[in-house]
Amino acid sequence: MLACCHLTWSLLVAAGLAQAFIDFLFSIHFIKPIYVIEPFDILRAAMWVLLTGCIGYGGCVFGLVWNRLPRLASARRPREP
């Protein structure tokens, strides 16, 4: 999911639509737009999408391992009659 969001942002930058999009988002939140979107750089975009994808998949693997661990707290509780 993280990688998809950043891929979408990279595509907006590449298409030249990111500045208008970010200006719109700021203006509807009553914030004066002060940020300027830099020109598209394919290497930086690829690294950002790859990094966020690795973070997302790492979290998924951590969750799978965590869910497979035995539940110590439930093993200590006495059973209800």
N, C-alpha and C. Protein backbone atom coordinates (compact mmCIF):
# COMPACT_ATOMS: atom_id res chain seq x y z
N MET A 1 0.82 -1.19 0.00
CA MET A 1 0.00 0.00 0.00
C MET A 1 0.87 1.25 0.00
N LEU A 2 1.91 1.24 0.86
CA LEU A 2 2.80 2.41 0.89
C LEU A 2 3.44 2.64 -0.47
N ALA A 3 3.91 1.58 -1.09
CA ALA A 3 4.56 1.70 -2.38
C ALA A 3 3.59 2.21 -3.44
N CYS A 4 2.35 1.76 -3.39
CA CYS A 4 1.34 2.23 -4.36
C CYS A 4 1.06 3.71 -4.21
N CYS A 5 0.98 4.19 -2.98
CA CYS A 5 0.77 5.62 -2.75
C CYS A 5 1.93 6.43 -3.30
N HIS A 6 3.16 5.97 -3.07
CA HIS A 6 4.31 6.72 -3.55
C HIS A 6 4.49 6.58 -5.06
N LEU A 7 4.10 5.46 -5.60
CA LEU A 7 4.12 5.32 -7.06
C LEU A 7 3.14 6.29 -7.69
N THR A 8 1.96 6.42 -7.11
CA THR A 8 0.96 7.37 -7.62
C THR A 8 1.50 8.79 -7.55
N TRP A 9 2.13 9.15 -6.43
CA TRP A 9 2.71 10.49 -6.29
C TRP A 9 3.80 10.70 -7.35
N SER A 10 4.65 9.70 -7.57
CA SER A 10 5.70 9.82 -8.58
C SER A 10 5.12 10.01 -9.97
N LEU A 11 4.03 9.32 -10.26
CA LEU A 11 3.38 9.49 -11.56
C LEU A 11 2.78 10.88 -11.71
N LEU A 12 2.23 11.43 -10.61
CA LEU A 12 1.72 12.80 -10.65
C LEU A 12 2.85 13.79 -10.93
N VAL A 13 4.01 13.58 -10.29
CA VAL A 13 5.15 14.46 -10.52
C VAL A 13 5.62 14.34 -11.97
N ALA A 14 5.72 13.11 -12.46
CA ALA A 14 6.18 12.87 -13.83
C ALA A 14 5.23 13.50 -14.86
N ALA A 15 3.95 13.49 -14.56
CA ALA A 15 2.95 14.04 -15.49
C ALA A 15 2.83 15.55 -15.36
N GLY A 16 3.48 16.14 -14.36
CA GLY A 16 3.40 17.58 -14.18
C GLY A 16 2.15 18.04 -13.47
N LEU A 17 1.46 17.13 -12.82
CA LEU A 17 0.20 17.47 -12.15
C LEU A 17 0.34 17.62 -10.63
N ALA A 18 1.51 17.30 -10.09
CA ALA A 18 1.68 17.29 -8.64
C ALA A 18 1.57 18.68 -8.02
N GLN A 19 2.11 19.71 -8.67
CA GLN A 19 2.06 21.06 -8.10
C GLN A 19 0.62 21.54 -7.96
N ALA A 20 -0.17 21.35 -8.98
CA ALA A 20 -1.58 21.76 -8.90
C ALA A 20 -2.32 20.96 -7.83
N PHE A 21 -2.01 19.68 -7.73
CA PHE A 21 -2.66 18.82 -6.74
C PHE A 21 -2.32 19.26 -5.32
N ILE A 22 -1.04 19.50 -5.05
CA ILE A 22 -0.64 19.87 -3.70
C ILE A 22 -1.14 21.27 -3.36
N ASP A 23 -1.15 22.18 -4.32
CA ASP A 23 -1.70 23.52 -4.09
C ASP A 23 -3.18 23.44 -3.74
N PHE A 24 -3.91 22.58 -4.44
CA PHE A 24 -5.34 22.39 -4.15
C PHE A 24 -5.54 21.83 -2.75
N LEU A 25 -4.77 20.80 -2.40
CA LEU A 25 -4.92 20.20 -1.07
C LEU A 25 -4.65 21.21 0.04
N PHE A 26 -3.60 22.00 -0.11
CA PHE A 26 -3.32 23.01 0.90
C PHE A 26 -4.43 24.05 0.97
N SER A 27 -4.88 24.52 -0.17
CA SER A 27 -5.88 25.60 -0.18
C SER A 27 -7.21 25.17 0.45
N ILE A 28 -7.62 23.92 0.29
CA ILE A 28 -8.89 23.51 0.91
C ILE A 28 -8.73 23.29 2.41
N HIS A 29 -7.47 23.27 2.89
CA HIS A 29 -7.23 23.17 4.33
C HIS A 29 -6.85 24.53 4.92
N PHE A 30 -7.10 25.60 4.15
CA PHE A 30 -6.81 26.97 4.59
C PHE A 30 -5.32 27.17 4.88
N ILE A 31 -4.48 26.53 4.09
CA ILE A 31 -3.03 26.66 4.22
C ILE A 31 -2.51 27.32 2.95
N LYS A 32 -1.68 28.35 3.13
CA LYS A 32 -1.09 29.01 1.98
C LYS A 32 -0.02 28.11 1.39
N PRO A 33 -0.16 27.72 0.12
CA PRO A 33 0.83 26.83 -0.49
C PRO A 33 2.19 27.52 -0.59
N ILE A 34 3.22 26.90 0.01
CA ILE A 34 4.56 27.47 -0.05
C ILE A 34 5.57 26.49 -0.64
N TYR A 35 5.16 25.28 -0.87
CA TYR A 35 6.08 24.25 -1.36
C TYR A 35 6.10 24.23 -2.89
N VAL A 36 7.25 23.95 -3.43
CA VAL A 36 7.42 23.84 -4.88
C VAL A 36 7.89 22.43 -5.18
N ILE A 37 7.19 21.76 -6.08
CA ILE A 37 7.52 20.40 -6.47
C ILE A 37 8.73 20.44 -7.42
N GLU A 38 9.73 19.65 -7.11
CA GLU A 38 10.93 19.59 -7.95
C GLU A 38 10.66 18.78 -9.22
N PRO A 39 11.55 18.92 -10.19
CA PRO A 39 11.40 18.11 -11.41
C PRO A 39 11.51 16.62 -11.11
N PHE A 40 10.88 15.83 -11.95
CA PHE A 40 10.87 14.37 -11.78
C PHE A 40 12.26 13.80 -11.99
N ASP A 41 12.63 12.87 -11.11
CA ASP A 41 13.90 12.14 -11.21
C ASP A 41 13.58 10.66 -11.05
N ILE A 42 13.76 9.90 -12.11
CA ILE A 42 13.37 8.50 -12.13
C ILE A 42 14.12 7.68 -11.07
N LEU A 43 15.39 7.97 -10.85
CA LEU A 43 16.16 7.22 -9.87
C LEU A 43 15.63 7.47 -8.45
N ARG A 44 15.37 8.72 -8.12
CA ARG A 44 14.85 9.04 -6.80
C ARG A 44 13.45 8.45 -6.60
N ALA A 45 12.63 8.50 -7.63
CA ALA A 45 11.28 7.94 -7.54
C ALA A 45 11.34 6.42 -7.34
N ALA A 46 12.21 5.75 -8.08
CA ALA A 46 12.33 4.30 -7.96
C ALA A 46 12.84 3.91 -6.58
N MET A 47 13.81 4.65 -6.06
CA MET A 47 14.34 4.34 -4.73
C MET A 47 13.26 4.54 -3.67
N TRP A 48 12.45 5.58 -3.79
CA TRP A 48 11.41 5.87 -2.80
C TRP A 48 10.32 4.80 -2.83
N VAL A 49 9.91 4.40 -4.01
CA VAL A 49 8.88 3.36 -4.13
C VAL A 49 9.43 2.03 -3.60
N LEU A 50 10.67 1.70 -3.93
CA LEU A 50 11.30 0.46 -3.45
C LEU A 50 11.43 0.47 -1.93
N LEU A 51 11.88 1.58 -1.37
CA LEU A 51 12.05 1.69 0.07
C LEU A 51 10.71 1.51 0.80
N THR A 52 9.69 2.21 0.35
CA THR A 52 8.40 2.09 1.03
C THR A 52 7.78 0.71 0.83
N GLY A 53 8.03 0.10 -0.32
CA GLY A 53 7.56 -1.27 -0.53
C GLY A 53 8.23 -2.25 0.42
N CYS A 54 9.54 -2.08 0.61
CA CYS A 54 10.26 -2.95 1.55
C CYS A 54 9.75 -2.77 2.98
N ILE A 55 9.48 -1.53 3.36
CA ILE A 55 8.95 -1.28 4.69
C ILE A 55 7.58 -1.95 4.85
N GLY A 56 6.74 -1.83 3.85
CA GLY A 56 5.42 -2.45 3.91
C GLY A 56 5.48 -3.97 3.97
N TYR A 57 6.32 -4.56 3.11
CA TYR A 57 6.44 -6.02 3.13
C TYR A 57 7.11 -6.50 4.40
N GLY A 58 8.05 -5.72 4.94
CA GLY A 58 8.68 -6.06 6.21
C GLY A 58 7.66 -6.09 7.34
N GLY A 59 6.75 -5.12 7.34
CA GLY A 59 5.69 -5.11 8.34
C GLY A 59 4.75 -6.29 8.19
N CYS A 60 4.51 -6.69 6.96
CA CYS A 60 3.65 -7.86 6.71
C CYS A 60 4.31 -9.14 7.25
N VAL A 61 5.59 -9.29 6.98
CA VAL A 61 6.33 -10.47 7.47
C VAL A 61 6.35 -10.46 9.00
N PHE A 62 6.61 -9.30 9.60
CA PHE A 62 6.60 -9.20 11.06
C PHE A 62 5.24 -9.60 11.61
N GLY A 63 4.17 -9.15 10.99
CA GLY A 63 2.83 -9.51 11.44
C GLY A 63 2.55 -11.00 11.34
N LEU A 64 2.99 -11.62 10.26
CA LEU A 64 2.80 -13.06 10.11
C LEU A 64 3.56 -13.84 11.18
N VAL A 65 4.80 -13.44 11.44
CA VAL A 65 5.60 -14.10 12.48
C VAL A 65 4.96 -13.88 13.84
N TRP A 66 4.56 -12.66 14.10
CA TRP A 66 3.95 -12.32 15.39
C TRP A 66 2.68 -13.15 15.63
N ASN A 67 1.88 -13.31 14.62
CA ASN A 67 0.63 -14.07 14.76
C ASN A 67 0.87 -15.57 14.92
N ARG A 68 2.02 -16.06 14.53
CA ARG A 68 2.35 -17.47 14.67
C ARG A 68 2.95 -17.80 16.04
N LEU A 69 3.41 -16.78 16.77
CA LEU A 69 4.01 -17.02 18.08
C LEU A 69 2.96 -17.54 19.06
N PRO A 70 3.35 -18.43 19.94
CA PRO A 70 2.38 -18.93 20.94
C PRO A 70 1.96 -17.80 21.88
N ARG A 71 0.76 -17.86 22.28
CA ARG A 71 0.22 -16.83 23.17
C ARG A 71 0.51 -17.21 24.61
N LEU A 72 1.50 -16.59 25.21
CA LEU A 72 1.88 -16.89 26.57
C LEU A 72 0.81 -16.44 27.56
N ALA A 73 0.21 -15.30 27.30
CA ALA A 73 -0.80 -14.78 28.23
C ALA A 73 -2.01 -15.70 28.31
N SER A 74 -2.44 -16.24 27.17
CA SER A 74 -3.62 -17.11 27.19
C SER A 74 -3.29 -18.47 27.83
N ALA A 75 -2.03 -18.90 27.77
CA ALA A 75 -1.64 -20.17 28.37
C ALA A 75 -1.61 -20.10 29.90
N ARG A 76 -1.40 -18.91 30.43
CA ARG A 76 -1.31 -18.74 31.89
C ARG A 76 -2.67 -18.59 32.55
N ARG A 77 -3.65 -18.18 31.78
CA ARG A 77 -4.98 -17.96 32.37
C ARG A 77 -5.65 -19.27 32.73
N PRO A 78 -6.31 -19.32 33.88
CA PRO A 78 -7.08 -20.54 34.19
C PRO A 78 -8.31 -20.61 33.29
N ARG A 79 -8.70 -21.81 32.99
CA ARG A 79 -9.87 -22.02 32.13
C ARG A 79 -11.15 -21.71 32.87
N GLU A 80 -12.07 -21.16 32.16
CA GLU A 80 -13.39 -20.86 32.72
C GLU A 80 -14.20 -22.16 32.82
N PRO A 81 -14.97 -22.35 33.91
CA PRO A 81 -15.77 -23.59 34.01
C PRO A 81 -16.96 -23.58 33.08
